[in-house]
Amino acid sequence: MEGLQSGDIGACKGEGILAWLNRRLFAPETDRYHYFILWKSHGFRDWVILESIGKGTAVGLLSFYKGEDVELYRVDCPKELRRQAPLGLIEYGRSRYDYLLILKIMAGSLTALARMLFVERRLRRLRAEDLPYARSNALICTEAVDVAYLSVGVSIVGEVVPLPSAFKQAELDGTIKLVGKW
């Protein structure tokens, strides 16, 4: 795909129960679920990507997602910082997948919903800022993208849990913009 640049972000449409819960529980609503960052052009129509998957931080190819619904985003920052961001993620190259954060998100969601019900006396969709968050050396996919940009001094989602909804908020705020589909 022409026009892509190193540092662009890929976001896959989610399926399954976790994707469904993500769409129903969090605001702003998004159908994107798995995120990765483009590193280097590979041949005429492919890219080397960096992502965090079940085994941890991994190197792959954009073509692994051929036939899937993938949206591509660009961070609003200088091109040189976008080019350097994937290199910052490489420092986490032996990082494990953060299964504990997934559990913390679930527990935090239940706590936030209970707080809304009993304190606010109304239910609403959760926002990333409703959940507690502390960074660790293990990464989920959205954290991997966020960490890559934080390594060059660019914040995509701020100091909140980097949920897919936080990336959608970053798009609404103009921090990232849609540049195409794969």
N, C-alpha and C. Protein backbone atom coordinates (compact mmCIF):
# COMPACT_ATOMS: atom_id res chain seq x y z
N MET A 1 0.85 -1.18 0.00
CA MET A 1 0.00 0.00 0.00
C MET A 1 0.89 1.24 0.00
N GLU A 2 0.65 2.09 -0.95
CA GLU A 2 1.44 3.31 -1.05
C GLU A 2 1.03 4.30 0.02
N GLY A 3 1.96 5.16 0.39
CA GLY A 3 1.66 6.22 1.32
C GLY A 3 1.85 5.86 2.78
N LEU A 4 2.06 4.59 3.10
CA LEU A 4 2.30 4.23 4.49
C LEU A 4 3.70 4.66 4.89
N GLN A 5 3.88 4.90 6.18
CA GLN A 5 5.17 5.32 6.71
C GLN A 5 5.52 4.51 7.94
N SER A 6 6.82 4.40 8.18
CA SER A 6 7.28 3.78 9.42
C SER A 6 6.66 4.53 10.59
N GLY A 7 6.13 3.79 11.55
CA GLY A 7 5.49 4.39 12.71
C GLY A 7 3.97 4.47 12.58
N ASP A 8 3.43 4.20 11.39
CA ASP A 8 1.98 4.16 11.27
C ASP A 8 1.45 3.01 12.12
N ILE A 9 0.21 3.11 12.52
CA ILE A 9 -0.41 2.15 13.44
C ILE A 9 -1.49 1.38 12.70
N GLY A 10 -1.48 0.07 12.87
CA GLY A 10 -2.53 -0.78 12.33
C GLY A 10 -3.49 -1.16 13.45
N ALA A 11 -4.78 -1.21 13.13
CA ALA A 11 -5.80 -1.58 14.10
C ALA A 11 -6.78 -2.54 13.44
N CYS A 12 -6.86 -3.76 13.96
CA CYS A 12 -7.73 -4.80 13.40
C CYS A 12 -9.10 -4.75 14.04
N LYS A 13 -10.10 -5.08 13.24
CA LYS A 13 -11.45 -5.18 13.76
C LYS A 13 -11.52 -6.41 14.67
N GLY A 14 -12.15 -6.25 15.81
CA GLY A 14 -12.23 -7.32 16.78
C GLY A 14 -13.42 -8.23 16.59
N GLU A 15 -13.25 -9.47 17.00
CA GLU A 15 -14.32 -10.47 16.97
C GLU A 15 -14.29 -11.22 18.29
N GLY A 16 -15.34 -11.90 18.60
CA GLY A 16 -15.38 -12.71 19.81
C GLY A 16 -15.93 -11.95 21.01
N ILE A 17 -15.97 -12.64 22.14
CA ILE A 17 -16.59 -12.10 23.34
C ILE A 17 -15.86 -10.87 23.89
N LEU A 18 -14.52 -10.89 23.89
CA LEU A 18 -13.80 -9.72 24.42
C LEU A 18 -14.00 -8.49 23.55
N ALA A 19 -14.03 -8.69 22.25
CA ALA A 19 -14.29 -7.56 21.34
C ALA A 19 -15.72 -7.04 21.55
N TRP A 20 -16.66 -7.94 21.73
CA TRP A 20 -18.05 -7.54 21.96
C TRP A 20 -18.16 -6.74 23.26
N LEU A 21 -17.54 -7.24 24.33
CA LEU A 21 -17.55 -6.52 25.61
C LEU A 21 -16.88 -5.16 25.47
N ASN A 22 -15.77 -5.13 24.75
CA ASN A 22 -15.06 -3.86 24.53
C ASN A 22 -15.97 -2.84 23.86
N ARG A 23 -16.74 -3.27 22.86
CA ARG A 23 -17.64 -2.35 22.15
C ARG A 23 -18.80 -1.90 23.03
N ARG A 24 -19.26 -2.75 23.92
CA ARG A 24 -20.45 -2.45 24.72
C ARG A 24 -20.15 -1.71 26.02
N LEU A 25 -18.95 -1.90 26.58
CA LEU A 25 -18.64 -1.34 27.90
C LEU A 25 -17.94 0.01 27.86
N PHE A 26 -17.18 0.27 26.80
CA PHE A 26 -16.30 1.44 26.81
C PHE A 26 -16.72 2.51 25.82
N ALA A 27 -16.39 3.75 26.18
CA ALA A 27 -16.64 4.91 25.33
C ALA A 27 -15.32 5.64 25.17
N PRO A 28 -15.11 6.25 24.02
CA PRO A 28 -15.97 6.18 22.85
C PRO A 28 -15.94 4.78 22.23
N GLU A 29 -17.01 4.44 21.56
CA GLU A 29 -17.16 3.11 20.98
C GLU A 29 -16.23 2.93 19.79
N THR A 30 -15.63 1.76 19.70
CA THR A 30 -14.79 1.41 18.55
C THR A 30 -14.91 -0.08 18.29
N ASP A 31 -14.77 -0.46 17.04
CA ASP A 31 -14.77 -1.88 16.71
C ASP A 31 -13.34 -2.40 16.52
N ARG A 32 -12.35 -1.54 16.74
CA ARG A 32 -10.95 -1.95 16.63
C ARG A 32 -10.54 -2.66 17.92
N TYR A 33 -9.69 -3.66 17.80
CA TYR A 33 -9.36 -4.47 18.97
C TYR A 33 -7.87 -4.77 19.11
N HIS A 34 -7.19 -5.12 18.01
CA HIS A 34 -5.77 -5.46 18.07
C HIS A 34 -4.96 -4.39 17.33
N TYR A 35 -3.87 -3.93 17.97
CA TYR A 35 -3.05 -2.84 17.42
C TYR A 35 -1.61 -3.29 17.22
N PHE A 36 -0.96 -2.70 16.21
CA PHE A 36 0.45 -2.96 15.95
C PHE A 36 1.05 -1.72 15.30
N ILE A 37 2.38 -1.71 15.17
CA ILE A 37 3.05 -0.56 14.57
C ILE A 37 3.88 -1.01 13.37
N LEU A 38 3.85 -0.23 12.30
CA LEU A 38 4.65 -0.53 11.11
C LEU A 38 6.09 -0.08 11.35
N TRP A 39 7.02 -0.95 10.97
CA TRP A 39 8.43 -0.65 11.19
C TRP A 39 9.14 -0.33 9.88
N LYS A 40 9.24 -1.31 8.98
CA LYS A 40 10.00 -1.13 7.74
C LYS A 40 9.23 -1.69 6.55
N SER A 41 9.39 -1.01 5.43
CA SER A 41 8.83 -1.53 4.19
C SER A 41 9.52 -2.85 3.87
N HIS A 42 8.74 -3.81 3.38
CA HIS A 42 9.28 -5.14 3.06
C HIS A 42 8.79 -5.53 1.67
N GLY A 43 9.65 -5.34 0.70
CA GLY A 43 9.23 -5.63 -0.67
C GLY A 43 8.34 -4.53 -1.21
N PHE A 44 7.60 -4.87 -2.24
CA PHE A 44 6.79 -3.88 -2.93
C PHE A 44 5.51 -3.52 -2.19
N ARG A 45 4.85 -4.50 -1.56
CA ARG A 45 3.54 -4.24 -0.97
C ARG A 45 3.39 -4.77 0.46
N ASP A 46 4.46 -4.85 1.21
CA ASP A 46 4.35 -5.39 2.56
C ASP A 46 5.18 -4.56 3.53
N TRP A 47 4.93 -4.77 4.81
CA TRP A 47 5.63 -4.07 5.87
C TRP A 47 5.99 -5.03 6.99
N VAL A 48 7.15 -4.83 7.58
CA VAL A 48 7.51 -5.52 8.82
C VAL A 48 6.78 -4.75 9.94
N ILE A 49 6.11 -5.50 10.81
CA ILE A 49 5.36 -4.88 11.90
C ILE A 49 5.91 -5.38 13.24
N LEU A 50 5.64 -4.60 14.28
CA LEU A 50 5.95 -4.98 15.65
C LEU A 50 4.63 -4.97 16.40
N GLU A 51 4.41 -6.01 17.20
CA GLU A 51 3.15 -6.12 17.92
C GLU A 51 3.35 -6.95 19.18
N SER A 52 2.39 -6.88 20.08
CA SER A 52 2.39 -7.73 21.25
C SER A 52 1.23 -8.70 21.10
N ILE A 53 1.57 -9.98 21.06
CA ILE A 53 0.57 -11.04 20.92
C ILE A 53 0.73 -12.00 22.10
N GLY A 54 0.00 -13.07 22.12
CA GLY A 54 -0.01 -13.99 23.25
C GLY A 54 1.35 -14.42 23.77
N LYS A 55 2.34 -14.51 22.90
CA LYS A 55 3.67 -14.91 23.36
C LYS A 55 4.54 -13.73 23.79
N GLY A 56 4.04 -12.52 23.58
CA GLY A 56 4.80 -11.32 23.93
C GLY A 56 5.08 -10.47 22.71
N THR A 57 6.07 -9.59 22.82
CA THR A 57 6.43 -8.71 21.72
C THR A 57 6.96 -9.55 20.57
N ALA A 58 6.46 -9.28 19.36
CA ALA A 58 6.80 -10.12 18.21
C ALA A 58 6.99 -9.27 16.96
N VAL A 59 7.75 -9.83 16.03
CA VAL A 59 7.95 -9.25 14.71
C VAL A 59 7.09 -10.04 13.74
N GLY A 60 6.42 -9.34 12.85
CA GLY A 60 5.58 -10.02 11.86
C GLY A 60 5.52 -9.22 10.58
N LEU A 61 4.57 -9.55 9.75
CA LEU A 61 4.36 -8.85 8.49
C LEU A 61 2.92 -8.36 8.41
N LEU A 62 2.74 -7.22 7.80
CA LEU A 62 1.40 -6.69 7.59
C LEU A 62 0.58 -7.70 6.79
N SER A 63 1.21 -8.41 5.88
CA SER A 63 0.50 -9.39 5.05
C SER A 63 -0.10 -10.53 5.87
N PHE A 64 0.35 -10.72 7.11
CA PHE A 64 -0.28 -11.71 7.98
C PHE A 64 -1.76 -11.38 8.18
N TYR A 65 -2.11 -10.11 8.00
CA TYR A 65 -3.48 -9.64 8.23
C TYR A 65 -4.25 -9.44 6.92
N LYS A 66 -3.71 -9.98 5.83
CA LYS A 66 -4.39 -9.87 4.53
C LYS A 66 -5.77 -10.51 4.63
N GLY A 67 -6.75 -9.82 4.12
CA GLY A 67 -8.12 -10.32 4.16
C GLY A 67 -8.87 -9.91 5.42
N GLU A 68 -8.18 -9.35 6.39
CA GLU A 68 -8.84 -8.87 7.60
C GLU A 68 -9.13 -7.38 7.46
N ASP A 69 -10.02 -6.89 8.29
CA ASP A 69 -10.39 -5.49 8.29
C ASP A 69 -9.39 -4.72 9.16
N VAL A 70 -8.40 -4.10 8.50
CA VAL A 70 -7.35 -3.36 9.21
C VAL A 70 -7.41 -1.89 8.80
N GLU A 71 -7.51 -1.02 9.79
CA GLU A 71 -7.42 0.41 9.53
C GLU A 71 -6.02 0.87 9.91
N LEU A 72 -5.51 1.85 9.18
CA LEU A 72 -4.16 2.36 9.41
C LEU A 72 -4.23 3.83 9.80
N TYR A 73 -3.48 4.16 10.85
CA TYR A 73 -3.50 5.50 11.44
C TYR A 73 -2.10 6.09 11.46
N ARG A 74 -2.05 7.41 11.46
CA ARG A 74 -0.78 8.13 11.58
C ARG A 74 -0.86 9.07 12.77
N VAL A 75 0.21 9.07 13.57
CA VAL A 75 0.29 9.94 14.73
C VAL A 75 0.68 11.34 14.27
N ASP A 76 0.03 12.33 14.84
CA ASP A 76 0.31 13.73 14.51
C ASP A 76 1.56 14.18 15.27
N CYS A 77 2.70 13.93 14.66
CA CYS A 77 3.99 14.36 15.21
C CYS A 77 4.98 14.41 14.05
N PRO A 78 6.16 14.98 14.27
CA PRO A 78 7.15 15.04 13.19
C PRO A 78 7.49 13.65 12.63
N LYS A 79 7.69 13.59 11.33
CA LYS A 79 7.98 12.33 10.63
C LYS A 79 9.17 11.60 11.26
N GLU A 80 10.19 12.33 11.65
CA GLU A 80 11.38 11.70 12.24
C GLU A 80 11.04 10.97 13.54
N LEU A 81 10.16 11.52 14.34
CA LEU A 81 9.73 10.83 15.57
C LEU A 81 8.93 9.58 15.24
N ARG A 82 8.06 9.66 14.21
CA ARG A 82 7.31 8.47 13.79
C ARG A 82 8.27 7.38 13.34
N ARG A 83 9.32 7.74 12.62
CA ARG A 83 10.29 6.75 12.13
C ARG A 83 11.07 6.11 13.28
N GLN A 84 11.31 6.87 14.35
CA GLN A 84 12.07 6.36 15.49
C GLN A 84 11.23 5.54 16.47
N ALA A 85 9.92 5.76 16.50
CA ALA A 85 9.04 5.11 17.49
C ALA A 85 9.15 3.58 17.49
N PRO A 86 9.13 2.90 16.32
CA PRO A 86 9.23 1.44 16.38
C PRO A 86 10.53 0.96 17.03
N LEU A 87 11.60 1.72 16.88
CA LEU A 87 12.88 1.34 17.48
C LEU A 87 12.79 1.35 19.01
N GLY A 88 11.99 2.24 19.57
CA GLY A 88 11.78 2.27 21.01
C GLY A 88 11.10 1.02 21.51
N LEU A 89 10.21 0.46 20.70
CA LEU A 89 9.53 -0.78 21.09
C LEU A 89 10.48 -1.97 21.06
N ILE A 90 11.48 -1.92 20.22
CA ILE A 90 12.43 -3.03 20.14
C ILE A 90 13.12 -3.26 21.47
N GLU A 91 13.26 -2.22 22.28
CA GLU A 91 13.85 -2.39 23.61
C GLU A 91 13.02 -3.32 24.48
N TYR A 92 11.76 -3.50 24.14
CA TYR A 92 10.87 -4.42 24.85
C TYR A 92 10.80 -5.77 24.13
N GLY A 93 11.76 -6.04 23.28
CA GLY A 93 11.75 -7.21 22.41
C GLY A 93 11.58 -8.54 23.11
N ARG A 94 11.93 -8.63 24.35
CA ARG A 94 11.75 -9.88 25.09
C ARG A 94 10.66 -9.76 26.14
N SER A 95 9.83 -8.78 25.97
CA SER A 95 8.74 -8.55 26.91
C SER A 95 7.64 -9.58 26.72
N ARG A 96 7.07 -10.04 27.82
CA ARG A 96 5.96 -10.97 27.76
C ARG A 96 4.66 -10.21 27.54
N TYR A 97 3.63 -10.98 27.16
CA TYR A 97 2.29 -10.41 27.01
C TYR A 97 1.74 -10.15 28.41
N ASP A 98 1.05 -9.04 28.59
CA ASP A 98 0.58 -8.63 29.91
C ASP A 98 -0.81 -9.19 30.22
N TYR A 99 -0.87 -10.50 30.46
CA TYR A 99 -2.14 -11.12 30.83
C TYR A 99 -2.68 -10.53 32.13
N LEU A 100 -1.79 -10.15 33.04
CA LEU A 100 -2.21 -9.57 34.31
C LEU A 100 -2.98 -8.26 34.08
N LEU A 101 -2.55 -7.46 33.10
CA LEU A 101 -3.27 -6.22 32.82
C LEU A 101 -4.69 -6.51 32.34
N ILE A 102 -4.87 -7.56 31.57
CA ILE A 102 -6.21 -7.94 31.11
C ILE A 102 -7.09 -8.21 32.33
N LEU A 103 -6.57 -8.94 33.30
CA LEU A 103 -7.32 -9.22 34.54
C LEU A 103 -7.59 -7.93 35.32
N LYS A 104 -6.59 -7.04 35.37
CA LYS A 104 -6.77 -5.77 36.07
C LYS A 104 -7.83 -4.91 35.39
N ILE A 105 -7.88 -4.95 34.07
CA ILE A 105 -8.90 -4.19 33.34
C ILE A 105 -10.28 -4.75 33.68
N MET A 106 -10.40 -6.08 33.72
CA MET A 106 -11.70 -6.69 34.08
C MET A 106 -12.10 -6.31 35.50
N ALA A 107 -11.18 -6.45 36.44
CA ALA A 107 -11.48 -6.12 37.84
C ALA A 107 -11.77 -4.63 37.99
N GLY A 108 -10.99 -3.80 37.33
CA GLY A 108 -11.20 -2.35 37.39
C GLY A 108 -12.54 -1.96 36.79
N SER A 109 -12.94 -2.66 35.73
CA SER A 109 -14.23 -2.38 35.10
C SER A 109 -15.38 -2.71 36.05
N LEU A 110 -15.29 -3.86 36.71
CA LEU A 110 -16.32 -4.24 37.67
C LEU A 110 -16.38 -3.23 38.82
N THR A 111 -15.23 -2.81 39.31
CA THR A 111 -15.18 -1.83 40.40
C THR A 111 -15.78 -0.50 39.95
N ALA A 112 -15.42 -0.06 38.76
CA ALA A 112 -15.94 1.22 38.25
C ALA A 112 -17.45 1.15 38.03
N LEU A 113 -17.94 0.02 37.51
CA LEU A 113 -19.38 -0.13 37.32
C LEU A 113 -20.11 -0.12 38.66
N ALA A 114 -19.54 -0.79 39.65
CA ALA A 114 -20.15 -0.79 40.99
C ALA A 114 -20.16 0.62 41.58
N ARG A 115 -19.06 1.35 41.41
CA ARG A 115 -18.98 2.73 41.89
C ARG A 115 -20.05 3.60 41.23
N MET A 116 -20.22 3.42 39.93
CA MET A 116 -21.26 4.17 39.23
C MET A 116 -22.64 3.84 39.77
N LEU A 117 -22.90 2.57 39.94
CA LEU A 117 -24.21 2.12 40.38
C LEU A 117 -24.53 2.60 41.79
N PHE A 118 -23.57 2.48 42.71
CA PHE A 118 -23.84 2.78 44.11
C PHE A 118 -23.51 4.22 44.52
N VAL A 119 -22.59 4.87 43.84
CA VAL A 119 -22.23 6.24 44.21
C VAL A 119 -22.90 7.25 43.27
N GLU A 120 -22.71 7.06 41.98
CA GLU A 120 -23.30 7.98 41.00
C GLU A 120 -24.78 7.70 40.76
N ARG A 121 -25.22 6.49 41.09
CA ARG A 121 -26.60 6.04 40.92
C ARG A 121 -27.07 6.06 39.46
N ARG A 122 -26.13 5.82 38.57
CA ARG A 122 -26.47 5.68 37.15
C ARG A 122 -25.36 4.89 36.48
N LEU A 123 -25.72 4.18 35.43
CA LEU A 123 -24.73 3.44 34.65
C LEU A 123 -24.45 4.19 33.35
N ARG A 124 -23.22 4.14 32.94
CA ARG A 124 -22.80 4.72 31.67
C ARG A 124 -21.66 3.86 31.15
N ARG A 125 -21.25 4.11 29.93
CA ARG A 125 -20.09 3.39 29.40
C ARG A 125 -18.84 3.86 30.12
N LEU A 126 -17.93 2.95 30.28
CA LEU A 126 -16.66 3.27 30.95
C LEU A 126 -15.74 4.01 29.99
N ARG A 127 -14.88 4.83 30.56
CA ARG A 127 -13.82 5.49 29.80
C ARG A 127 -12.49 4.98 30.37
N ALA A 128 -11.45 5.05 29.60
CA ALA A 128 -10.14 4.56 30.05
C ALA A 128 -9.73 5.20 31.36
N GLU A 129 -10.07 6.46 31.55
CA GLU A 129 -9.67 7.16 32.78
C GLU A 129 -10.43 6.67 34.02
N ASP A 130 -11.47 5.85 33.84
CA ASP A 130 -12.20 5.28 34.98
C ASP A 130 -11.43 4.13 35.64
N LEU A 131 -10.41 3.62 34.95
CA LEU A 131 -9.68 2.44 35.43
C LEU A 131 -8.31 2.82 35.97
N PRO A 132 -7.86 2.12 37.01
CA PRO A 132 -6.49 2.36 37.50
C PRO A 132 -5.49 1.79 36.49
N TYR A 133 -4.30 2.40 36.45
CA TYR A 133 -3.29 1.93 35.49
C TYR A 133 -1.89 2.21 35.99
N ALA A 134 -1.04 1.21 35.88
CA ALA A 134 0.39 1.36 36.16
C ALA A 134 1.14 0.54 35.12
N ARG A 135 2.13 1.15 34.50
CA ARG A 135 2.91 0.46 33.47
C ARG A 135 3.79 -0.63 34.10
N SER A 136 4.04 -1.66 33.31
CA SER A 136 4.96 -2.73 33.73
C SER A 136 5.82 -3.09 32.52
N ASN A 137 6.67 -4.08 32.67
CA ASN A 137 7.53 -4.49 31.56
C ASN A 137 6.81 -5.40 30.58
N ALA A 138 5.67 -5.97 30.97
CA ALA A 138 4.86 -6.78 30.07
C ALA A 138 3.89 -5.85 29.34
N LEU A 139 3.53 -6.20 28.11
CA LEU A 139 2.72 -5.31 27.28
C LEU A 139 1.57 -6.02 26.60
N ILE A 140 0.39 -5.38 26.58
CA ILE A 140 -0.67 -5.81 25.67
C ILE A 140 -0.45 -5.04 24.37
N CYS A 141 -1.20 -5.37 23.34
CA CYS A 141 -0.94 -4.79 22.02
C CYS A 141 -1.04 -3.27 22.00
N THR A 142 -2.05 -2.72 22.64
CA THR A 142 -2.20 -1.26 22.64
C THR A 142 -1.10 -0.59 23.44
N GLU A 143 -0.64 -1.24 24.51
CA GLU A 143 0.48 -0.71 25.29
C GLU A 143 1.74 -0.67 24.45
N ALA A 144 1.95 -1.69 23.62
CA ALA A 144 3.15 -1.75 22.78
C ALA A 144 3.23 -0.53 21.87
N VAL A 145 2.11 -0.19 21.24
CA VAL A 145 2.08 0.98 20.36
C VAL A 145 2.31 2.25 21.17
N ASP A 146 1.65 2.35 22.31
CA ASP A 146 1.79 3.53 23.16
C ASP A 146 3.23 3.68 23.65
N VAL A 147 3.84 2.59 24.10
CA VAL A 147 5.23 2.60 24.59
C VAL A 147 6.19 3.02 23.48
N ALA A 148 5.93 2.55 22.26
CA ALA A 148 6.79 2.93 21.13
C ALA A 148 6.83 4.45 20.98
N TYR A 149 5.69 5.07 21.05
CA TYR A 149 5.64 6.53 20.90
C TYR A 149 6.13 7.26 22.15
N LEU A 150 5.86 6.71 23.31
CA LEU A 150 6.39 7.34 24.53
C LEU A 150 7.92 7.36 24.51
N SER A 151 8.52 6.37 23.85
CA SER A 151 9.99 6.30 23.79
C SER A 151 10.60 7.49 23.03
N VAL A 152 9.80 8.17 22.22
CA VAL A 152 10.28 9.35 21.49
C VAL A 152 9.61 10.62 22.00
N GLY A 153 8.96 10.51 23.16
CA GLY A 153 8.38 11.69 23.79
C GLY A 153 7.01 12.10 23.29
N VAL A 154 6.31 11.20 22.59
CA VAL A 154 4.99 11.49 22.06
C VAL A 154 3.96 10.65 22.80
N SER A 155 2.96 11.29 23.37
CA SER A 155 1.90 10.58 24.08
C SER A 155 0.68 10.47 23.19
N ILE A 156 0.23 9.25 22.98
CA ILE A 156 -0.97 9.04 22.16
C ILE A 156 -2.22 9.12 23.04
N VAL A 157 -2.23 8.38 24.16
CA VAL A 157 -3.45 8.28 24.98
C VAL A 157 -3.33 8.98 26.32
N GLY A 158 -2.20 9.53 26.65
CA GLY A 158 -2.02 10.17 27.96
C GLY A 158 -1.72 9.14 29.03
N GLU A 159 -2.08 9.44 30.25
CA GLU A 159 -1.76 8.58 31.40
C GLU A 159 -2.92 7.67 31.76
N VAL A 160 -3.62 7.14 30.78
CA VAL A 160 -4.73 6.23 31.02
C VAL A 160 -4.39 4.85 30.46
N VAL A 161 -5.20 3.87 30.83
CA VAL A 161 -5.02 2.53 30.27
C VAL A 161 -5.16 2.65 28.75
N PRO A 162 -4.17 2.19 27.99
CA PRO A 162 -4.27 2.32 26.53
C PRO A 162 -5.24 1.30 25.93
N LEU A 163 -6.50 1.47 26.23
CA LEU A 163 -7.56 0.62 25.67
C LEU A 163 -7.83 1.03 24.22
N PRO A 164 -8.46 0.16 23.43
CA PRO A 164 -8.87 0.59 22.09
C PRO A 164 -9.73 1.85 22.12
N SER A 165 -10.57 2.00 23.14
CA SER A 165 -11.39 3.21 23.24
C SER A 165 -10.54 4.46 23.47
N ALA A 166 -9.40 4.31 24.16
CA ALA A 166 -8.50 5.45 24.35
C ALA A 166 -7.86 5.85 23.01
N PHE A 167 -7.59 4.87 22.15
CA PHE A 167 -7.08 5.19 20.82
C PHE A 167 -8.16 5.87 19.98
N LYS A 168 -9.40 5.44 20.14
CA LYS A 168 -10.50 6.11 19.44
C LYS A 168 -10.61 7.56 19.92
N GLN A 169 -10.44 7.77 21.24
CA GLN A 169 -10.48 9.14 21.76
C GLN A 169 -9.33 9.95 21.18
N ALA A 170 -8.15 9.33 21.04
CA ALA A 170 -7.01 10.02 20.43
C ALA A 170 -7.33 10.42 18.99
N GLU A 171 -8.07 9.57 18.28
CA GLU A 171 -8.48 9.92 16.92
C GLU A 171 -9.45 11.10 16.95
N LEU A 172 -10.42 11.06 17.85
CA LEU A 172 -11.38 12.16 17.96
C LEU A 172 -10.70 13.47 18.36
N ASP A 173 -9.63 13.36 19.15
CA ASP A 173 -8.88 14.55 19.59
C ASP A 173 -7.88 15.04 18.54
N GLY A 174 -7.66 14.26 17.47
CA GLY A 174 -6.72 14.65 16.42
C GLY A 174 -5.29 14.23 16.67
N THR A 175 -5.05 13.42 17.69
CA THR A 175 -3.70 12.94 17.96
C THR A 175 -3.26 11.91 16.92
N ILE A 176 -4.22 11.11 16.46
CA ILE A 176 -3.97 10.17 15.36
C ILE A 176 -5.06 10.41 14.32
N LYS A 177 -4.74 10.06 13.06
CA LYS A 177 -5.74 10.21 12.01
C LYS A 177 -5.71 8.99 11.11
N LEU A 178 -6.88 8.62 10.61
CA LEU A 178 -7.01 7.50 9.69
C LEU A 178 -6.35 7.85 8.37
N VAL A 179 -5.47 6.95 7.88
CA VAL A 179 -4.80 7.21 6.60
C VAL A 179 -5.13 6.16 5.54
N GLY A 180 -5.85 5.11 5.93
CA GLY A 180 -6.22 4.10 4.94
C GLY A 180 -6.67 2.81 5.56
N LYS A 181 -6.97 1.85 4.68
CA LYS A 181 -7.36 0.51 5.09
C LYS A 181 -6.46 -0.49 4.37
N TRP A 182 -6.25 -1.62 4.98
CA TRP A 182 -5.46 -2.69 4.37
C TRP A 182 -6.39 -3.69 3.79
